[in-house]
Amino acid sequence: MEASPVDGLVIEYLERMHRVGEEVLEELCRRHPEAAHELRARVGLLTRVGLAWGGPDEGSDAEIAERLRRGLFFRWLAHETGGPSDGEAG
């Protein structure tokens, strides 16, 4: 599967969001208006599943790790693939 140009923008967003904050999304959308809609959609999905959030004031590394530990991504993945989640037998 070949990476789309938006993939690189999502990676840039994830790399910079904790240092810069949410304004990085707006900056990327201004720089790449042709990709803005898809970029916003992907960032929105990552936010809903708990893999992207806020900026430098959104918690310590331990708090971020806790969000991931709670399994938000894995619950979403299980839902999307029809697999087990929340203690269901698999």
C-alpha atoms as a PDB file:
ATOM      1  CA  MET A   1       0.000   0.000   0.000  1.00  0.00           C
ATOM      2  CA  GLU A   2       1.484   3.299  -1.078  1.00  0.00           C
ATOM      3  CA  ALA A   3       1.478   6.169   1.419  1.00  0.00           C
ATOM      4  CA  SER A   4      -0.600   9.209   0.519  1.00  0.00           C
ATOM      5  CA  PRO A   5       0.688  12.771   0.938  1.00  0.00           C
ATOM      6  CA  VAL A   6      -1.755  13.155   3.838  1.00  0.00           C
ATOM      7  CA  ASP A   7       0.029  10.348   5.710  1.00  0.00           C
ATOM      8  CA  GLY A   8       3.114  12.545   6.000  1.00  0.00           C
ATOM      9  CA  LEU A   9       1.011  15.471   7.229  1.00  0.00           C
ATOM     10  CA  VAL A  10      -0.612  13.306   9.897  1.00  0.00           C
ATOM     11  CA  ILE A  11       2.814  12.176  11.056  1.00  0.00           C
ATOM     12  CA  GLU A  12       4.015  15.786  11.174  1.00  0.00           C
ATOM     13  CA  TYR A  13       0.918  16.728  13.184  1.00  0.00           C
ATOM     14  CA  LEU A  14       1.517  13.921  15.693  1.00  0.00           C
ATOM     15  CA  GLU A  15       5.190  14.795  16.038  1.00  0.00           C
ATOM     16  CA  ARG A  16       4.537  18.492  16.669  1.00  0.00           C
ATOM     17  CA  MET A  17       1.189  18.642  18.499  1.00  0.00           C
ATOM     18  CA  HIS A  18       2.622  18.012  21.976  1.00  0.00           C
ATOM     19  CA  ARG A  19       5.247  20.720  21.567  1.00  0.00           C
ATOM     20  CA  VAL A  20       3.260  23.304  19.622  1.00  0.00           C
ATOM     21  CA  GLY A  21      -0.389  22.544  20.396  1.00  0.00           C
ATOM     22  CA  GLU A  22      -3.533  22.453  18.311  1.00  0.00           C
ATOM     23  CA  GLU A  23      -2.465  25.390  16.150  1.00  0.00           C
ATOM     24  CA  VAL A  24      -0.236  22.977  14.238  1.00  0.00           C
ATOM     25  CA  LEU A  25      -3.359  21.535  12.582  1.00  0.00           C
ATOM     26  CA  GLU A  26      -4.410  24.961  11.345  1.00  0.00           C
ATOM     27  CA  GLU A  27      -0.890  25.660  10.114  1.00  0.00           C
ATOM     28  CA  LEU A  28      -0.755  22.400   8.163  1.00  0.00           C
ATOM     29  CA  CYS A  29      -4.189  23.042   6.656  1.00  0.00           C
ATOM     30  CA  ARG A  30      -3.128  26.523   5.542  1.00  0.00           C
ATOM     31  CA  ARG A  31       0.073  25.155   3.997  1.00  0.00           C
ATOM     32  CA  HIS A  32      -1.759  22.277   2.271  1.00  0.00           C
ATOM     33  CA  PRO A  33      -5.324  23.408   1.470  1.00  0.00           C
ATOM     34  CA  GLU A  34      -5.782  20.516  -0.971  1.00  0.00           C
ATOM     35  CA  ALA A  35      -5.329  18.060   1.907  1.00  0.00           C
ATOM     36  CA  ALA A  36      -7.064  20.041   4.670  1.00  0.00           C
ATOM     37  CA  HIS A  37     -10.364  18.136   4.642  1.00  0.00           C
ATOM     38  CA  GLU A  38      -8.769  14.678   4.806  1.00  0.00           C
ATOM     39  CA  LEU A  39      -6.179  15.828   7.355  1.00  0.00           C
ATOM     40  CA  ARG A  40      -8.896  17.189   9.661  1.00  0.00           C
ATOM     41  CA  ALA A  41     -10.861  13.946   9.291  1.00  0.00           C
ATOM     42  CA  ARG A  42      -7.860  11.779  10.184  1.00  0.00           C
ATOM     43  CA  VAL A  43      -6.858  13.941  13.141  1.00  0.00           C
ATOM     44  CA  GLY A  44     -10.473  13.830  14.309  1.00  0.00           C
ATOM     45  CA  LEU A  45     -10.448  10.034  14.191  1.00  0.00           C
ATOM     46  CA  LEU A  46      -7.151   9.847  16.072  1.00  0.00           C
ATOM     47  CA  THR A  47      -8.558  12.202  18.704  1.00  0.00           C
ATOM     48  CA  ARG A  48     -11.742  10.142  19.122  1.00  0.00           C
ATOM     49  CA  VAL A  49      -9.787   6.930  19.666  1.00  0.00           C
ATOM     50  CA  GLY A  50      -7.425   8.584  22.120  1.00  0.00           C
ATOM     51  CA  LEU A  51      -4.243   8.710  20.047  1.00  0.00           C
ATOM     52  CA  ALA A  52      -4.133  12.473  19.533  1.00  0.00           C
ATOM     53  CA  TRP A  53      -5.026  15.182  21.992  1.00  0.00           C
ATOM     54  CA  GLY A  54      -4.276  18.734  22.937  1.00  0.00           C
ATOM     55  CA  GLY A  55      -0.930  20.325  23.230  1.00  0.00           C
ATOM     56  CA  PRO A  56       1.876  20.811  25.688  1.00  0.00           C
ATOM     57  CA  ASP A  57      -0.509  21.357  28.620  1.00  0.00           C
ATOM     58  CA  GLU A  58      -2.524  18.176  28.083  1.00  0.00           C
ATOM     59  CA  GLY A  59      -0.651  16.022  30.550  1.00  0.00           C
ATOM     60  CA  SER A  60       2.605  14.465  31.516  1.00  0.00           C
ATOM     61  CA  ASP A  61       4.126  11.500  29.744  1.00  0.00           C
ATOM     62  CA  ALA A  62       2.636   9.292  32.465  1.00  0.00           C
ATOM     63  CA  GLU A  63      -0.851  10.688  31.846  1.00  0.00           C
ATOM     64  CA  ILE A  64      -0.481  10.180  28.117  1.00  0.00           C
ATOM     65  CA  ALA A  65       0.675   6.603  28.680  1.00  0.00           C
ATOM     66  CA  GLU A  66      -2.359   6.043  30.905  1.00  0.00           C
ATOM     67  CA  ARG A  67      -4.696   7.171  28.128  1.00  0.00           C
ATOM     68  CA  LEU A  68      -3.145   4.629  25.808  1.00  0.00           C
ATOM     69  CA  ARG A  69      -3.180   1.946  28.501  1.00  0.00           C
ATOM     70  CA  ARG A  70      -6.916   2.354  28.876  1.00  0.00           C
ATOM     71  CA  GLY A  71      -7.160   0.745  25.493  1.00  0.00           C
ATOM     72  CA  LEU A  72      -9.177   3.315  23.585  1.00  0.00           C
ATOM     73  CA  PHE A  73      -7.460   2.419  20.349  1.00  0.00           C
ATOM     74  CA  PHE A  74      -7.861  -1.299  20.868  1.00  0.00           C
ATOM     75  CA  ARG A  75     -11.551  -0.975  21.696  1.00  0.00           C
ATOM     76  CA  TRP A  76     -12.060   1.009  18.509  1.00  0.00           C
ATOM     77  CA  LEU A  77     -10.041  -1.514  16.502  1.00  0.00           C
ATOM     78  CA  ALA A  78     -12.084  -4.381  17.913  1.00  0.00           C
ATOM     79  CA  HIS A  79     -15.273  -2.555  17.011  1.00  0.00           C
ATOM     80  CA  GLU A  80     -14.075  -1.874  13.460  1.00  0.00           C
ATOM     81  CA  THR A  81     -12.876  -5.448  12.872  1.00  0.00           C
ATOM     82  CA  GLY A  82     -15.614  -7.253  14.789  1.00  0.00           C
ATOM     83  CA  GLY A  83     -13.066  -8.673  17.222  1.00  0.00           C
ATOM     84  CA  PRO A  84     -13.379  -9.054  20.999  1.00  0.00           C
ATOM     85  CA  SER A  85     -13.100  -6.061  23.320  1.00  0.00           C
ATOM     86  CA  ASP A  86     -13.545  -5.201  26.990  1.00  0.00           C
ATOM     87  CA  GLY A  87     -12.828  -8.682  28.274  1.00  0.00           C
ATOM     88  CA  GLU A  88     -14.791 -10.635  25.706  1.00  0.00           C
ATOM     89  CA  ALA A  89     -13.389 -14.046  24.914  1.00  0.00           C
ATOM     90  CA  GLY A  90     -11.498 -14.086  21.654  1.00  0.00           C
END
